[in-house]
Amino acid sequence: MCAPQFLRPDERWKAAGAALWCRAALDLRRTRRGAARIPLRGNSGSGSTSEVWAKQARWVQAFVCTEHNYHTKGQAILFKGRQQGNVVILEVRSDTAVRWVVVKVQLNGRNFVLVGYYGPNCDDIEPLRRLFSQLLEFSDPVIMTLGDFNVVLDNELDRDNCKSRGTPKSQQYLRRMMKEFGLCDIWRQRVGNNRDFSFFNKKYRHSSRIDYFLLDLRLREAVKKIVYLPSHLSDHSAVVLDMIFPQRTISNRWTIDRSLPLDQEV
């Protein structure tokens, strides 16, 4: 892994998630005036290949990834920046089933927990259980999560086909996790009941929104823009989040109710 580099305080950051083989990647990078270009991420066949590819890409300054197996290609978090000394990777944790990667970082003197998540395409809550257990071990985490969760958060707004299909357990568990950790679906908060979709199922010919940025509620004011980009090379659309972190301490306004570990059946 190359030495992590990051930006000076009060500069604009852009987080871009491309749903290719690295299903849930965070790319934190500076934007200039106008739209910044998003580098194309190629389809790498394995974790080792993607690591070599990432090191060769000029815009990658640090690369954190899980292993891979035959069921999933693994998760990655990519860091981009031109200034040294403003980011410190403090801790990395990854799922035994390579469904998620958790990275505790210090950005411009503040601690954040970055999560990349790729949910199974069946109604299985075990990866979320394992993730919740890991996040509980952090003290008052300020969480930024990006993922292909493979489940909608709203059965009516997040599907083009609104026929009732029941409420999946994974949806219930994810929503309860969001409540416990004080996370919000920032795109939905910004657009209200408007609809947009991030995934097109070619087999059944329907669209849904299953790729999200779930942010700590304390970060809402830092968000300038969040959009889904047109999809040309994948059945998923990239979701782009534009944030500005001011030079001030994030207040401790959220307390996790640790008496509810969510280990019961939903």
C-alpha atoms as a PDB file:
ATOM      1  CA  MET A   1       0.000   0.000   0.000  1.00  0.00           C
ATOM      2  CA  CYS A   2       1.373   3.374  -0.939  1.00  0.00           C
ATOM      3  CA  ALA A   3       1.641   6.120   1.650  1.00  0.00           C
ATOM      4  CA  PRO A   4      -1.727   7.859   2.132  1.00  0.00           C
ATOM      5  CA  GLN A   5      -1.957  11.498   1.128  1.00  0.00           C
ATOM      6  CA  PHE A   6      -4.781  13.934   1.572  1.00  0.00           C
ATOM      7  CA  LEU A   7      -5.832  17.537   1.223  1.00  0.00           C
ATOM      8  CA  ARG A   8      -5.573  20.694   3.261  1.00  0.00           C
ATOM      9  CA  PRO A   9      -8.482  21.742   5.514  1.00  0.00           C
ATOM     10  CA  ASP A  10     -11.368  23.686   3.990  1.00  0.00           C
ATOM     11  CA  GLU A  11     -10.795  22.254   0.525  1.00  0.00           C
ATOM     12  CA  ARG A  12     -13.576  20.529  -1.280  1.00  0.00           C
ATOM     13  CA  TRP A  13     -13.689  16.776  -1.301  1.00  0.00           C
ATOM     14  CA  LYS A  14     -15.517  14.477  -3.580  1.00  0.00           C
ATOM     15  CA  ALA A  15     -16.485  10.935  -2.742  1.00  0.00           C
ATOM     16  CA  ALA A  16     -17.356   8.796  -5.710  1.00  0.00           C
ATOM     17  CA  GLY A  17     -18.572   5.231  -5.602  1.00  0.00           C
ATOM     18  CA  ALA A  18     -18.476   3.194  -8.796  1.00  0.00           C
ATOM     19  CA  ALA A  19     -20.375  -0.079  -8.671  1.00  0.00           C
ATOM     20  CA  LEU A  20     -17.965  -2.171 -10.710  1.00  0.00           C
ATOM     21  CA  TRP A  21     -16.027  -5.157  -9.389  1.00  0.00           C
ATOM     22  CA  CYS A  22     -14.966  -3.119  -6.379  1.00  0.00           C
ATOM     23  CA  ARG A  23     -18.587  -2.877  -5.401  1.00  0.00           C
ATOM     24  CA  ALA A  24     -18.362  -0.336  -2.583  1.00  0.00           C
ATOM     25  CA  ALA A  25     -15.394   1.970  -2.940  1.00  0.00           C
ATOM     26  CA  LEU A  26     -14.853   5.397  -1.444  1.00  0.00           C
ATOM     27  CA  ASP A  27     -12.711   7.787  -3.464  1.00  0.00           C
ATOM     28  CA  LEU A  28     -12.112  10.989  -1.504  1.00  0.00           C
ATOM     29  CA  ARG A  29     -10.579  13.592  -3.747  1.00  0.00           C
ATOM     30  CA  ARG A  30     -10.470  17.322  -4.437  1.00  0.00           C
ATOM     31  CA  THR A  31     -12.693  19.036  -6.954  1.00  0.00           C
ATOM     32  CA  ARG A  32     -11.792  22.152  -8.854  1.00  0.00           C
ATOM     33  CA  ARG A  33     -14.216  24.739 -10.131  1.00  0.00           C
ATOM     34  CA  GLY A  34     -16.714  22.914 -12.215  1.00  0.00           C
ATOM     35  CA  ALA A  35     -17.186  19.182 -12.391  1.00  0.00           C
ATOM     36  CA  ALA A  36     -14.170  17.051 -11.630  1.00  0.00           C
ATOM     37  CA  ARG A  37     -13.504  14.041 -13.799  1.00  0.00           C
ATOM     38  CA  ILE A  38     -14.168  10.640 -12.282  1.00  0.00           C
ATOM     39  CA  PRO A  39     -11.479   8.126 -13.259  1.00  0.00           C
ATOM     40  CA  LEU A  40     -12.745   4.944 -14.824  1.00  0.00           C
ATOM     41  CA  ARG A  41     -12.307   1.815 -12.750  1.00  0.00           C
ATOM     42  CA  GLY A  42     -11.636  -1.277 -14.774  1.00  0.00           C
ATOM     43  CA  ASN A  43     -13.056  -4.711 -14.059  1.00  0.00           C
ATOM     44  CA  SER A  44     -10.386  -6.530 -12.132  1.00  0.00           C
ATOM     45  CA  GLY A  45     -10.783 -10.237 -11.711  1.00  0.00           C
ATOM     46  CA  SER A  46      -9.293 -10.579  -8.238  1.00  0.00           C
ATOM     47  CA  GLY A  47      -8.238  -8.660  -5.178  1.00  0.00           C
ATOM     48  CA  SER A  48      -4.560  -8.981  -6.065  1.00  0.00           C
ATOM     49  CA  THR A  49      -5.137  -7.744  -9.615  1.00  0.00           C
ATOM     50  CA  SER A  50      -7.169  -4.781  -8.436  1.00  0.00           C
ATOM     51  CA  GLU A  51      -4.440  -3.840  -5.957  1.00  0.00           C
ATOM     52  CA  VAL A  52      -1.800  -3.842  -8.688  1.00  0.00           C
ATOM     53  CA  TRP A  53      -4.107  -1.843 -10.931  1.00  0.00           C
ATOM     54  CA  ALA A  54      -4.817   0.684  -8.178  1.00  0.00           C
ATOM     55  CA  LYS A  55      -1.142   1.206  -7.427  1.00  0.00           C
ATOM     56  CA  GLN A  56      -0.478   1.908 -11.088  1.00  0.00           C
ATOM     57  CA  ALA A  57      -3.278   4.470 -11.348  1.00  0.00           C
ATOM     58  CA  ARG A  58      -1.876   7.962 -10.895  1.00  0.00           C
ATOM     59  CA  TRP A  59      -4.825   9.251  -8.927  1.00  0.00           C
ATOM     60  CA  VAL A  60      -4.679   6.558  -6.215  1.00  0.00           C
ATOM     61  CA  GLN A  61      -2.586   7.517  -3.184  1.00  0.00           C
ATOM     62  CA  ALA A  62      -3.740   4.797  -0.790  1.00  0.00           C
ATOM     63  CA  PHE A  63      -5.635   1.576  -1.325  1.00  0.00           C
ATOM     64  CA  VAL A  64      -7.360  -0.591   1.267  1.00  0.00           C
ATOM     65  CA  CYS A  65      -9.087  -3.770   0.172  1.00  0.00           C
ATOM     66  CA  THR A  66     -10.401  -7.063   1.458  1.00  0.00           C
ATOM     67  CA  GLU A  67      -9.620 -10.479   0.089  1.00  0.00           C
ATOM     68  CA  HIS A  68     -11.950 -11.971  -2.502  1.00  0.00           C
ATOM     69  CA  ASN A  69     -13.667 -15.278  -3.131  1.00  0.00           C
ATOM     70  CA  TYR A  70     -15.889 -16.893  -5.733  1.00  0.00           C
ATOM     71  CA  HIS A  71     -19.025 -15.244  -4.343  1.00  0.00           C
ATOM     72  CA  THR A  72     -17.877 -11.632  -4.219  1.00  0.00           C
ATOM     73  CA  LYS A  73     -14.987  -9.635  -5.629  1.00  0.00           C
ATOM     74  CA  GLY A  74     -14.243  -7.934  -2.338  1.00  0.00           C
ATOM     75  CA  GLN A  75     -14.422  -4.345  -1.121  1.00  0.00           C
ATOM     76  CA  ALA A  76     -12.034  -1.442  -1.539  1.00  0.00           C
ATOM     77  CA  ILE A  77     -11.569   2.092  -0.267  1.00  0.00           C
ATOM     78  CA  LEU A  78      -9.408   4.398  -2.371  1.00  0.00           C
ATOM     79  CA  PHE A  79      -7.850   7.645  -1.185  1.00  0.00           C
ATOM     80  CA  LYS A  80      -6.838  10.460  -3.501  1.00  0.00           C
ATOM     81  CA  GLY A  81      -5.038  13.682  -2.637  1.00  0.00           C
ATOM     82  CA  ARG A  82      -2.056  15.878  -3.425  1.00  0.00           C
ATOM     83  CA  GLN A  83      -1.039  17.117   0.007  1.00  0.00           C
ATOM     84  CA  GLN A  84       0.688  14.927   2.570  1.00  0.00           C
ATOM     85  CA  GLY A  85       0.076  14.679   6.253  1.00  0.00           C
ATOM     86  CA  ASN A  86      -3.675  15.280   6.503  1.00  0.00           C
ATOM     87  CA  VAL A  87      -4.884  11.675   6.559  1.00  0.00           C
ATOM     88  CA  VAL A  88      -3.864   8.865   8.862  1.00  0.00           C
ATOM     89  CA  ILE A  89      -5.217   5.341   8.493  1.00  0.00           C
ATOM     90  CA  LEU A  90      -5.665   4.234  12.099  1.00  0.00           C
ATOM     91  CA  GLU A  91      -7.297   0.836  11.752  1.00  0.00           C
ATOM     92  CA  VAL A  92      -8.632  -1.540   9.109  1.00  0.00           C
ATOM     93  CA  ARG A  93     -11.163  -4.306   9.656  1.00  0.00           C
ATOM     94  CA  SER A  94     -12.709  -6.579   7.059  1.00  0.00           C
ATOM     95  CA  ASP A  95     -15.423  -9.185   6.923  1.00  0.00           C
ATOM     96  CA  THR A  96     -14.569 -12.882   6.932  1.00  0.00           C
ATOM     97  CA  ALA A  97     -17.019 -13.287   4.048  1.00  0.00           C
ATOM     98  CA  VAL A  98     -15.552 -10.182   2.316  1.00  0.00           C
ATOM     99  CA  ARG A  99     -18.882  -8.343   2.410  1.00  0.00           C
ATOM    100  CA  TRP A 100     -17.492  -5.177   3.997  1.00  0.00           C
ATOM    101  CA  VAL A 101     -14.375  -3.272   4.914  1.00  0.00           C
ATOM    102  CA  VAL A 102     -14.183  -0.758   7.788  1.00  0.00           C
ATOM    103  CA  VAL A 103     -11.411   1.839   7.934  1.00  0.00           C
ATOM    104  CA  LYS A 104     -10.921   4.217  10.843  1.00  0.00           C
ATOM    105  CA  VAL A 105      -9.127   7.310   9.588  1.00  0.00           C
ATOM    106  CA  GLN A 106      -8.103  10.707  10.839  1.00  0.00           C
ATOM    107  CA  LEU A 107      -8.921  13.414   8.300  1.00  0.00           C
ATOM    108  CA  ASN A 108      -7.598  16.869   9.054  1.00  0.00           C
ATOM    109  CA  GLY A 109      -7.428  16.048  12.750  1.00  0.00           C
ATOM    110  CA  ARG A 110     -10.902  14.473  13.013  1.00  0.00           C
ATOM    111  CA  ASN A 111     -11.694  10.780  13.276  1.00  0.00           C
ATOM    112  CA  PHE A 112     -14.101   9.075  10.887  1.00  0.00           C
ATOM    113  CA  VAL A 113     -15.144   5.494  10.262  1.00  0.00           C
ATOM    114  CA  LEU A 114     -15.452   4.703   6.541  1.00  0.00           C
ATOM    115  CA  VAL A 115     -17.431   1.629   5.545  1.00  0.00           C
ATOM    116  CA  GLY A 116     -17.621  -0.084   2.171  1.00  0.00           C
ATOM    117  CA  TYR A 117     -20.423  -2.644   1.961  1.00  0.00           C
ATOM    118  CA  TYR A 118     -21.652  -5.144  -0.627  1.00  0.00           C
ATOM    119  CA  GLY A 119     -24.808  -6.950   0.409  1.00  0.00           C
ATOM    120  CA  PRO A 120     -25.768 -10.434  -0.756  1.00  0.00           C
ATOM    121  CA  ASN A 121     -28.429 -10.648  -3.454  1.00  0.00           C
ATOM    122  CA  CYS A 122     -30.633 -12.703  -1.159  1.00  0.00           C
ATOM    123  CA  ASP A 123     -32.418 -11.761   2.060  1.00  0.00           C
ATOM    124  CA  ASP A 124     -29.492 -12.498   4.382  1.00  0.00           C
ATOM    125  CA  ILE A 125     -28.878 -10.262   7.405  1.00  0.00           C
ATOM    126  CA  GLU A 126     -25.747 -12.009   8.682  1.00  0.00           C
ATOM    127  CA  PRO A 127     -23.273  -9.595   6.987  1.00  0.00           C
ATOM    128  CA  LEU A 128     -25.136  -6.674   8.574  1.00  0.00           C
ATOM    129  CA  ARG A 129     -25.030  -8.399  11.953  1.00  0.00           C
ATOM    130  CA  ARG A 130     -21.273  -8.795  11.698  1.00  0.00           C
ATOM    131  CA  LEU A 131     -20.852  -5.197  10.582  1.00  0.00           C
ATOM    132  CA  PHE A 132     -23.007  -3.897  13.425  1.00  0.00           C
ATOM    133  CA  SER A 133     -20.961  -5.870  15.940  1.00  0.00           C
ATOM    134  CA  GLN A 134     -17.743  -4.299  14.641  1.00  0.00           C
ATOM    135  CA  LEU A 135     -19.092  -0.754  14.605  1.00  0.00           C
ATOM    136  CA  LEU A 136     -20.202  -1.095  18.226  1.00  0.00           C
ATOM    137  CA  GLU A 137     -16.557  -1.394  19.222  1.00  0.00           C
ATOM    138  CA  PHE A 138     -15.801   2.183  18.130  1.00  0.00           C
ATOM    139  CA  SER A 139     -16.398   4.984  20.600  1.00  0.00           C
ATOM    140  CA  ASP A 140     -18.956   7.486  19.229  1.00  0.00           C
ATOM    141  CA  PRO A 141     -18.062   6.794  15.582  1.00  0.00           C
ATOM    142  CA  VAL A 142     -18.720   9.387  12.882  1.00  0.00           C
ATOM    143  CA  ILE A 143     -19.660   6.992  10.095  1.00  0.00           C
ATOM    144  CA  MET A 144     -19.656   7.399   6.323  1.00  0.00           C
ATOM    145  CA  THR A 145     -20.981   4.300   4.560  1.00  0.00           C
ATOM    146  CA  LEU A 146     -21.151   3.597   0.848  1.00  0.00           C
ATOM    147  CA  GLY A 147     -22.498   0.378  -0.483  1.00  0.00           C
ATOM    148  CA  ASP A 148     -24.346  -1.759  -2.937  1.00  0.00           C
ATOM    149  CA  PHE A 149     -26.735  -3.055  -0.290  1.00  0.00           C
ATOM    150  CA  ASN A 150     -28.824  -5.151  -2.690  1.00  0.00           C
ATOM    151  CA  VAL A 151     -31.973  -4.085  -0.858  1.00  0.00           C
ATOM    152  CA  VAL A 152     -34.190  -1.019  -1.153  1.00  0.00           C
ATOM    153  CA  LEU A 153     -34.898   1.232   1.816  1.00  0.00           C
ATOM    154  CA  ASP A 154     -38.381   2.200   0.611  1.00  0.00           C
ATOM    155  CA  ASN A 155     -40.548  -0.344  -1.189  1.00  0.00           C
ATOM    156  CA  GLU A 156     -42.496   2.311  -3.094  1.00  0.00           C
ATOM    157  CA  LEU A 157     -40.006   5.085  -3.812  1.00  0.00           C
ATOM    158  CA  ASP A 158     -36.949   2.950  -4.544  1.00  0.00           C
ATOM    159  CA  ARG A 159     -38.528   0.605  -7.119  1.00  0.00           C
ATOM    160  CA  ASP A 160     -40.056   1.291 -10.507  1.00  0.00           C
ATOM    161  CA  ASN A 161     -42.415  -1.628  -9.885  1.00  0.00           C
ATOM    162  CA  CYS A 162     -44.273  -0.794  -6.674  1.00  0.00           C
ATOM    163  CA  LYS A 163     -46.152  -4.073  -6.317  1.00  0.00           C
ATOM    164  CA  SER A 164     -46.044  -5.264  -2.723  1.00  0.00           C
ATOM    165  CA  ARG A 165     -43.377  -7.897  -2.140  1.00  0.00           C
ATOM    166  CA  GLY A 166     -43.315  -7.771   1.624  1.00  0.00           C
ATOM    167  CA  THR A 167     -40.556  -6.249   3.708  1.00  0.00           C
ATOM    168  CA  PRO A 168     -37.240  -8.142   3.565  1.00  0.00           C
ATOM    169  CA  LYS A 169     -35.474  -8.837   6.847  1.00  0.00           C
ATOM    170  CA  SER A 170     -32.350  -7.181   5.487  1.00  0.00           C
ATOM    171  CA  GLN A 171     -34.303  -3.961   4.894  1.00  0.00           C
ATOM    172  CA  GLN A 172     -35.663  -4.011   8.443  1.00  0.00           C
ATOM    173  CA  TYR A 173     -32.246  -4.681   9.918  1.00  0.00           C
ATOM    174  CA  LEU A 174     -30.550  -1.988   7.851  1.00  0.00           C
ATOM    175  CA  ARG A 175     -33.125   0.619   8.857  1.00  0.00           C
ATOM    176  CA  ARG A 176     -32.722  -0.289  12.522  1.00  0.00           C
ATOM    177  CA  MET A 177     -28.951  -0.044  12.212  1.00  0.00           C
ATOM    178  CA  MET A 178     -29.328   3.401  10.683  1.00  0.00           C
ATOM    179  CA  LYS A 179     -31.491   4.460  13.619  1.00  0.00           C
ATOM    180  CA  GLU A 180     -29.096   3.083  16.226  1.00  0.00           C
ATOM    181  CA  PHE A 181     -25.997   4.723  14.711  1.00  0.00           C
ATOM    182  CA  GLY A 182     -27.713   7.942  13.681  1.00  0.00           C
ATOM    183  CA  LEU A 183     -27.248   7.429   9.931  1.00  0.00           C
ATOM    184  CA  CYS A 184     -29.326   9.007   7.194  1.00  0.00           C
ATOM    185  CA  ASP A 185     -29.931   8.249   3.538  1.00  0.00           C
ATOM    186  CA  ILE A 186     -28.605  11.650   2.506  1.00  0.00           C
ATOM    187  CA  TRP A 187     -29.841  11.460  -1.097  1.00  0.00           C
ATOM    188  CA  ARG A 188     -33.409  10.727   0.009  1.00  0.00           C
ATOM    189  CA  GLN A 189     -33.270  13.554   2.539  1.00  0.00           C
ATOM    190  CA  ARG A 190     -32.228  15.953  -0.219  1.00  0.00           C
ATOM    191  CA  VAL A 191     -34.769  14.961  -2.878  1.00  0.00           C
ATOM    192  CA  GLY A 192     -37.809  14.039  -0.803  1.00  0.00           C
ATOM    193  CA  ASN A 193     -40.181  11.775  -2.725  1.00  0.00           C
ATOM    194  CA  ASN A 194     -38.436  12.175  -6.079  1.00  0.00           C
ATOM    195  CA  ARG A 195     -37.308   8.969  -7.684  1.00  0.00           C
ATOM    196  CA  ASP A 196     -34.065   7.836  -9.268  1.00  0.00           C
ATOM    197  CA  PHE A 197     -32.567   4.379  -9.615  1.00  0.00           C
ATOM    198  CA  SER A 198     -29.057   2.992  -9.347  1.00  0.00           C
ATOM    199  CA  PHE A 199     -29.513  -0.551 -10.663  1.00  0.00           C
ATOM    200  CA  PHE A 200     -31.182  -2.103 -13.691  1.00  0.00           C
ATOM    201  CA  ASN A 201     -32.056  -5.788 -13.575  1.00  0.00           C
ATOM    202  CA  LYS A 202     -31.708  -6.995 -17.152  1.00  0.00           C
ATOM    203  CA  LYS A 203     -33.331 -10.343 -16.452  1.00  0.00           C
ATOM    204  CA  TYR A 204     -36.567  -8.981 -14.989  1.00  0.00           C
ATOM    205  CA  ARG A 205     -36.399  -5.577 -16.713  1.00  0.00           C
ATOM    206  CA  HIS A 206     -36.939  -3.409 -13.657  1.00  0.00           C
ATOM    207  CA  SER A 207     -34.970  -0.698 -11.871  1.00  0.00           C
ATOM    208  CA  SER A 208     -34.308  -0.032  -8.204  1.00  0.00           C
ATOM    209  CA  ARG A 209     -32.173   2.122  -5.934  1.00  0.00           C
ATOM    210  CA  ILE A 210     -29.915  -0.129  -3.877  1.00  0.00           C
ATOM    211  CA  ASP A 211     -26.652   1.875  -3.822  1.00  0.00           C
ATOM    212  CA  TYR A 212     -26.452   4.427  -1.015  1.00  0.00           C
ATOM    213  CA  PHE A 213     -24.370   6.875   0.940  1.00  0.00           C
ATOM    214  CA  LEU A 214     -25.461   6.503   4.567  1.00  0.00           C
ATOM    215  CA  LEU A 215     -23.971   9.359   6.580  1.00  0.00           C
ATOM    216  CA  ASP A 216     -23.784  10.298  10.215  1.00  0.00           C
ATOM    217  CA  LEU A 217     -26.468  12.902  10.875  1.00  0.00           C
ATOM    218  CA  ARG A 218     -23.757  15.264  12.116  1.00  0.00           C
ATOM    219  CA  LEU A 219     -22.353  15.441   8.573  1.00  0.00           C
ATOM    220  CA  ARG A 220     -25.505  16.671   6.846  1.00  0.00           C
ATOM    221  CA  GLU A 221     -24.421  20.301   6.785  1.00  0.00           C
ATOM    222  CA  ALA A 222     -21.129  19.354   5.114  1.00  0.00           C
ATOM    223  CA  VAL A 223     -22.907  17.851   2.087  1.00  0.00           C
ATOM    224  CA  LYS A 224     -23.059  20.150  -0.928  1.00  0.00           C
ATOM    225  CA  LYS A 225     -24.369  17.777  -3.568  1.00  0.00           C
ATOM    226  CA  ILE A 226     -25.210  14.133  -4.120  1.00  0.00           C
ATOM    227  CA  VAL A 227     -26.198  12.691  -7.506  1.00  0.00           C
ATOM    228  CA  TYR A 228     -26.486   9.389  -9.339  1.00  0.00           C
ATOM    229  CA  LEU A 229     -24.573   9.400 -12.600  1.00  0.00           C
ATOM    230  CA  PRO A 230     -25.737   7.792 -15.848  1.00  0.00           C
ATOM    231  CA  SER A 231     -24.607   4.202 -16.196  1.00  0.00           C
ATOM    232  CA  HIS A 232     -22.775   3.256 -19.382  1.00  0.00           C
ATOM    233  CA  LEU A 233     -20.467   0.366 -18.474  1.00  0.00           C
ATOM    234  CA  SER A 234     -22.250  -1.329 -15.599  1.00  0.00           C
ATOM    235  CA  ASP A 235     -25.723  -2.338 -14.477  1.00  0.00           C
ATOM    236  CA  HIS A 236     -25.128  -0.038 -11.479  1.00  0.00           C
ATOM    237  CA  SER A 237     -24.855   3.748 -11.456  1.00  0.00           C
ATOM    238  CA  ALA A 238     -22.130   5.613  -9.616  1.00  0.00           C
ATOM    239  CA  VAL A 239     -23.316   7.804  -6.755  1.00  0.00           C
ATOM    240  CA  VAL A 240     -21.258  10.955  -6.223  1.00  0.00           C
ATOM    241  CA  LEU A 241     -21.183  12.871  -2.956  1.00  0.00           C
ATOM    242  CA  ASP A 242     -19.673  16.355  -2.757  1.00  0.00           C
ATOM    243  CA  MET A 243     -18.719  17.509   0.759  1.00  0.00           C
ATOM    244  CA  ILE A 244     -16.839  20.343   2.413  1.00  0.00           C
ATOM    245  CA  PHE A 245     -15.411  19.756   5.870  1.00  0.00           C
ATOM    246  CA  PRO A 246     -15.021  23.048   7.769  1.00  0.00           C
ATOM    247  CA  GLN A 247     -12.309  23.604  10.348  1.00  0.00           C
ATOM    248  CA  ARG A 248     -14.368  22.858  13.397  1.00  0.00           C
ATOM    249  CA  THR A 249     -14.923  19.924  15.684  1.00  0.00           C
ATOM    250  CA  ILE A 250     -17.921  17.718  15.022  1.00  0.00           C
ATOM    251  CA  SER A 251     -20.173  17.933  18.067  1.00  0.00           C
ATOM    252  CA  ASN A 252     -21.049  14.805  19.978  1.00  0.00           C
ATOM    253  CA  ARG A 253     -24.787  14.992  19.490  1.00  0.00           C
ATOM    254  CA  TRP A 254     -25.503  11.335  18.831  1.00  0.00           C
ATOM    255  CA  THR A 255     -25.402   8.540  21.385  1.00  0.00           C
ATOM    256  CA  ILE A 256     -25.788   4.905  20.409  1.00  0.00           C
ATOM    257  CA  ASP A 257     -28.230   2.958  22.532  1.00  0.00           C
ATOM    258  CA  ARG A 258     -25.920   0.044  23.283  1.00  0.00           C
ATOM    259  CA  SER A 259     -28.649  -1.691  25.247  1.00  0.00           C
ATOM    260  CA  LEU A 260     -30.110  -2.682  21.868  1.00  0.00           C
ATOM    261  CA  PRO A 261     -27.388  -4.744  20.159  1.00  0.00           C
ATOM    262  CA  LEU A 262     -29.764  -5.854  17.385  1.00  0.00           C
ATOM    263  CA  ASP A 263     -28.787  -9.462  17.906  1.00  0.00           C
ATOM    264  CA  GLN A 264     -32.406 -10.577  18.089  1.00  0.00           C
ATOM    265  CA  GLU A 265     -34.317 -11.882  15.110  1.00  0.00           C
ATOM    266  CA  VAL A 266     -36.134  -9.312  12.987  1.00  0.00           C
END
